[in-house]
Amino acid sequence: MNVAEKCKGVGFGDALRWLNEGRKVRRSGWNGKGMWLALVGTGECVVSRSVTDFSSCGSVYEIAEWIGMKTTDEKFVPWLASQTDVLASDWEAVK
């Protein structure tokens, strides 16, 4: 398990700042071991298969920044903050 910088009262604003600095963050209150968030940068994506009626194979799209989560089952998925996450004060930067 990664060592974290622990500080009581660290809110989501600090977590966002750390993400923008390229660091990983997590909440000490999360039950899952090894979970963390990271900011995924911009770039381009080439669609390898038709995923909707308006896209086709070979289409190129610009990727916007988004926050992803490393899950307990070793996957990396898009993350959506809950009200509890946004208002929590137990955020820590993962080293």
C-alpha atoms as a PDB file:
ATOM      1  CA  MET A   1       0.000   0.000   0.000  1.00  0.00           C
ATOM      2  CA  ASN A   2       1.194   3.495  -0.796  1.00  0.00           C
ATOM      3  CA  VAL A   3       2.186   5.838   1.984  1.00  0.00           C
ATOM      4  CA  ALA A   4       0.026   8.959   2.088  1.00  0.00           C
ATOM      5  CA  GLU A   5       0.412  12.468   3.359  1.00  0.00           C
ATOM      6  CA  LYS A   6      -2.150  12.584   6.135  1.00  0.00           C
ATOM      7  CA  CYS A   7      -3.616  15.795   7.426  1.00  0.00           C
ATOM      8  CA  LYS A   8      -6.928  16.213   9.238  1.00  0.00           C
ATOM      9  CA  GLY A   9      -9.358  18.574   7.593  1.00  0.00           C
ATOM     10  CA  VAL A  10      -8.085  18.293   4.021  1.00  0.00           C
ATOM     11  CA  GLY A  11     -11.012  19.001   1.689  1.00  0.00           C
ATOM     12  CA  PHE A  12     -11.868  18.319  -1.915  1.00  0.00           C
ATOM     13  CA  GLY A  13     -10.368  21.651  -3.038  1.00  0.00           C
ATOM     14  CA  ASP A  14      -6.922  20.467  -1.962  1.00  0.00           C
ATOM     15  CA  ALA A  15      -7.539  17.118  -3.654  1.00  0.00           C
ATOM     16  CA  LEU A  16      -8.354  18.908  -6.926  1.00  0.00           C
ATOM     17  CA  ARG A  17      -5.200  21.016  -6.634  1.00  0.00           C
ATOM     18  CA  TRP A  18      -3.123  17.862  -6.109  1.00  0.00           C
ATOM     19  CA  LEU A  19      -4.794  16.169  -9.103  1.00  0.00           C
ATOM     20  CA  ASN A  20      -3.917  19.191 -11.258  1.00  0.00           C
ATOM     21  CA  GLU A  21      -0.310  18.891 -10.049  1.00  0.00           C
ATOM     22  CA  GLY A  22      -0.227  15.319 -11.383  1.00  0.00           C
ATOM     23  CA  ARG A  23      -0.580  13.597  -8.025  1.00  0.00           C
ATOM     24  CA  LYS A  24      -2.894  10.752  -7.035  1.00  0.00           C
ATOM     25  CA  VAL A  25      -5.432  11.255  -4.249  1.00  0.00           C
ATOM     26  CA  ARG A  26      -7.749   9.145  -2.128  1.00  0.00           C
ATOM     27  CA  ARG A  27     -10.018   9.424   0.863  1.00  0.00           C
ATOM     28  CA  SER A  28      -8.930   7.770   4.089  1.00  0.00           C
ATOM     29  CA  GLY A  29     -12.616   6.947   4.656  1.00  0.00           C
ATOM     30  CA  TRP A  30     -12.916   4.752   1.568  1.00  0.00           C
ATOM     31  CA  ASN A  31     -13.371   1.092   2.463  1.00  0.00           C
ATOM     32  CA  GLY A  32     -11.647  -0.319  -0.617  1.00  0.00           C
ATOM     33  CA  LYS A  33      -7.940  -0.965  -0.264  1.00  0.00           C
ATOM     34  CA  GLY A  34      -5.670   0.419  -2.980  1.00  0.00           C
ATOM     35  CA  MET A  35      -8.241   2.785  -4.482  1.00  0.00           C
ATOM     36  CA  TRP A  36      -7.066   6.182  -5.721  1.00  0.00           C
ATOM     37  CA  LEU A  37      -7.935   8.929  -8.233  1.00  0.00           C
ATOM     38  CA  ALA A  38      -5.816  10.476 -10.976  1.00  0.00           C
ATOM     39  CA  LEU A  39      -6.395  13.158 -13.584  1.00  0.00           C
ATOM     40  CA  VAL A  40      -6.385  11.851 -17.142  1.00  0.00           C
ATOM     41  CA  GLY A  41      -4.916  14.395 -19.533  1.00  0.00           C
ATOM     42  CA  THR A  42      -6.015  15.593 -22.922  1.00  0.00           C
ATOM     43  CA  GLY A  43      -5.117  14.008 -26.208  1.00  0.00           C
ATOM     44  CA  GLU A  44      -6.739  12.328 -29.170  1.00  0.00           C
ATOM     45  CA  CYS A  45      -8.664   9.097 -29.440  1.00  0.00           C
ATOM     46  CA  VAL A  46      -9.268   7.097 -32.599  1.00  0.00           C
ATOM     47  CA  VAL A  47     -12.528   5.153 -32.443  1.00  0.00           C
ATOM     48  CA  SER A  48     -11.785   1.536 -33.295  1.00  0.00           C
ATOM     49  CA  ARG A  49     -15.401   0.451 -33.632  1.00  0.00           C
ATOM     50  CA  SER A  50     -18.794   2.073 -34.055  1.00  0.00           C
ATOM     51  CA  VAL A  51     -20.020   2.853 -30.549  1.00  0.00           C
ATOM     52  CA  THR A  52     -23.063   4.987 -31.411  1.00  0.00           C
ATOM     53  CA  ASP A  53     -25.148   5.860 -34.421  1.00  0.00           C
ATOM     54  CA  PHE A  54     -23.188   9.108 -34.919  1.00  0.00           C
ATOM     55  CA  SER A  55     -19.653   7.719 -34.760  1.00  0.00           C
ATOM     56  CA  SER A  56     -17.828   5.481 -37.149  1.00  0.00           C
ATOM     57  CA  CYS A  57     -14.613   3.510 -37.185  1.00  0.00           C
ATOM     58  CA  GLY A  58     -11.574   5.679 -37.697  1.00  0.00           C
ATOM     59  CA  SER A  59     -13.156   8.891 -36.362  1.00  0.00           C
ATOM     60  CA  VAL A  60     -10.788  11.017 -34.279  1.00  0.00           C
ATOM     61  CA  TYR A  61     -12.012  12.875 -31.205  1.00  0.00           C
ATOM     62  CA  GLU A  62     -10.273  15.236 -28.808  1.00  0.00           C
ATOM     63  CA  ILE A  63     -10.197  13.857 -25.277  1.00  0.00           C
ATOM     64  CA  ALA A  64     -11.122  16.267 -22.496  1.00  0.00           C
ATOM     65  CA  GLU A  65      -9.528  15.951 -19.057  1.00  0.00           C
ATOM     66  CA  TRP A  66     -11.365  13.656 -16.663  1.00  0.00           C
ATOM     67  CA  ILE A  67     -10.833  12.026 -13.280  1.00  0.00           C
ATOM     68  CA  GLY A  68     -10.343   8.269 -13.183  1.00  0.00           C
ATOM     69  CA  MET A  69     -10.351   5.827 -10.282  1.00  0.00           C
ATOM     70  CA  LYS A  70      -8.106   2.807  -9.765  1.00  0.00           C
ATOM     71  CA  THR A  71     -10.486   0.241  -8.300  1.00  0.00           C
ATOM     72  CA  THR A  72      -9.888  -2.586  -5.846  1.00  0.00           C
ATOM     73  CA  ASP A  73     -10.166  -5.108  -8.699  1.00  0.00           C
ATOM     74  CA  GLU A  74      -7.278  -3.444 -10.588  1.00  0.00           C
ATOM     75  CA  LYS A  75      -9.375  -1.554 -13.154  1.00  0.00           C
ATOM     76  CA  PHE A  76      -9.187   2.140 -14.064  1.00  0.00           C
ATOM     77  CA  VAL A  77     -12.621   3.673 -14.617  1.00  0.00           C
ATOM     78  CA  PRO A  78     -14.187   7.141 -14.923  1.00  0.00           C
ATOM     79  CA  TRP A  79     -15.049   8.549 -11.487  1.00  0.00           C
ATOM     80  CA  LEU A  80     -18.011  10.685 -10.477  1.00  0.00           C
ATOM     81  CA  ALA A  81     -17.840  12.510  -7.141  1.00  0.00           C
ATOM     82  CA  SER A  82     -20.645  11.933  -4.675  1.00  0.00           C
ATOM     83  CA  GLN A  83     -21.942  14.644  -2.336  1.00  0.00           C
ATOM     84  CA  THR A  84     -20.173  12.809   0.478  1.00  0.00           C
ATOM     85  CA  ASP A  85     -16.842  12.867  -1.413  1.00  0.00           C
ATOM     86  CA  VAL A  86     -17.097  16.586  -2.222  1.00  0.00           C
ATOM     87  CA  LEU A  87     -17.901  17.541   1.380  1.00  0.00           C
ATOM     88  CA  ALA A  88     -15.432  15.142   3.035  1.00  0.00           C
ATOM     89  CA  SER A  89     -12.384  16.392   4.918  1.00  0.00           C
ATOM     90  CA  ASP A  90     -10.338  13.186   4.824  1.00  0.00           C
ATOM     91  CA  TRP A  91      -8.576  13.579   1.457  1.00  0.00           C
ATOM     92  CA  GLU A  92      -4.912  12.625   1.204  1.00  0.00           C
ATOM     93  CA  ALA A  93      -2.289  12.718  -1.531  1.00  0.00           C
ATOM     94  CA  VAL A  94      -0.880   9.298  -2.415  1.00  0.00           C
ATOM     95  CA  LYS A  95       2.903   9.019  -2.770  1.00  0.00           C
END
